[in-house]
Protein backbone atom coordinates (compact mmCIF):
# COMPACT_ATOMS: atom_id res chain seq x y z
CA MET A 1 -87.94 83.87 140.95
CA VAL A 2 -86.93 86.62 143.47
CA ILE A 3 -85.08 89.68 142.31
CA ASP A 4 -83.64 91.89 145.04
CA ALA A 5 -83.61 95.36 143.27
CA ARG A 6 -83.28 97.47 146.43
CA GLU A 7 -79.77 98.54 145.45
CA ILE A 8 -80.37 99.20 141.73
CA GLY A 9 -82.29 101.88 139.91
CA ALA A 10 -85.85 101.49 138.58
CA HIS A 11 -84.65 101.95 134.98
CA GLU A 12 -82.19 99.02 135.36
CA ILE A 13 -84.84 96.72 136.83
CA LEU A 14 -87.33 97.65 134.10
CA THR A 15 -84.71 96.81 131.50
CA LYS A 16 -84.04 93.42 133.17
CA LEU A 17 -87.83 92.78 133.40
CA LYS A 18 -88.23 93.45 129.68
CA LYS A 19 -85.58 90.82 128.85
CA ILE A 20 -87.22 88.32 131.26
CA PHE A 21 -90.62 88.96 129.68
CA GLU A 22 -89.17 88.42 126.20
CA GLU A 23 -87.62 85.20 127.32
CA TYR A 24 -90.75 83.89 129.02
CA ARG A 25 -93.16 85.03 126.32
CA GLU A 26 -96.37 82.96 126.41
CA LYS A 27 -95.02 81.01 129.43
CA GLU A 28 -96.07 81.18 133.09
CA VAL A 29 -94.07 83.58 135.32
CA ASP A 30 -93.94 84.08 139.04
CA ILE A 31 -91.57 86.85 139.87
CA LYS A 32 -91.14 88.73 143.17
CA ILE A 33 -89.19 92.02 143.02
CA LEU A 34 -87.95 93.70 146.17
CA ILE A 35 -87.70 97.40 145.72
CA LYS A 36 -86.90 100.44 147.89
CA THR A 37 -89.63 102.95 147.03
CA GLN A 38 -93.36 102.85 146.51
CA SER A 39 -93.09 104.87 143.34
CA ASP A 40 -90.61 102.36 141.77
CA ALA A 41 -92.90 99.53 142.86
CA LYS A 42 -95.81 101.26 141.10
CA ARG A 43 -93.73 101.73 137.90
CA ILE A 44 -92.86 98.07 137.91
CA LYS A 45 -96.53 97.14 138.43
CA ALA A 46 -97.66 99.39 135.59
CA PHE A 47 -95.03 97.98 133.21
CA SER A 48 -95.90 94.43 134.15
CA THR A 49 -99.62 95.09 133.69
CA MET A 50 -99.04 96.75 130.28
CA SER A 51 -97.02 93.62 129.29
CA GLY A 52 -99.97 91.35 130.05
CA TYR A 53 -99.21 90.14 133.55
CA ASN A 54 -100.94 90.42 136.88
CA ALA A 55 -99.02 92.45 139.42
CA ASN A 56 -99.56 93.35 143.05
CA VAL A 57 -97.56 95.56 145.45
CA GLU A 58 -97.05 94.59 149.13
CA VAL A 59 -95.65 96.88 151.78
CA LYS A 60 -92.89 95.10 153.71
CA ASN A 61 -90.71 96.21 156.58
CA GLY A 62 -88.71 99.08 155.00
CA TYR A 63 -89.26 98.09 151.31
CA PHE A 64 -91.89 97.03 148.83
CA ALA A 65 -92.45 93.74 147.06
CA THR A 66 -94.02 93.52 143.65
CA ARG A 67 -95.26 90.12 142.63
CA ILE A 68 -95.74 89.48 139.00
CA THR A 69 -97.67 86.37 137.79
CA GLY A 70 -99.44 85.01 134.74
CA ILE A 71 -98.85 84.37 131.11
CA SER A 72 -98.27 87.18 128.63
CA CYS A 73 -100.21 87.36 125.39
CA GLY A 74 -96.89 87.64 123.60
CA CYS A 75 -97.18 91.34 122.78
CA VAL A 76 -94.23 92.73 124.70
């Protein structure tokens, strides 16, 4: 799943991620989020990690991509 969040705020994407994590609780996820700023990418990574997923940030041409993978323990 790819989510282009370059035109929305970090709070909105975190809310959307929370819903996705609840929907996919204890199931495999592979999500790539495109975001404008490095600080927002780090916030997404931190939230994903706290939710039990693996997350990595890649620098792209003018934006950042956070890839979230794994299976949550179900404690979101």
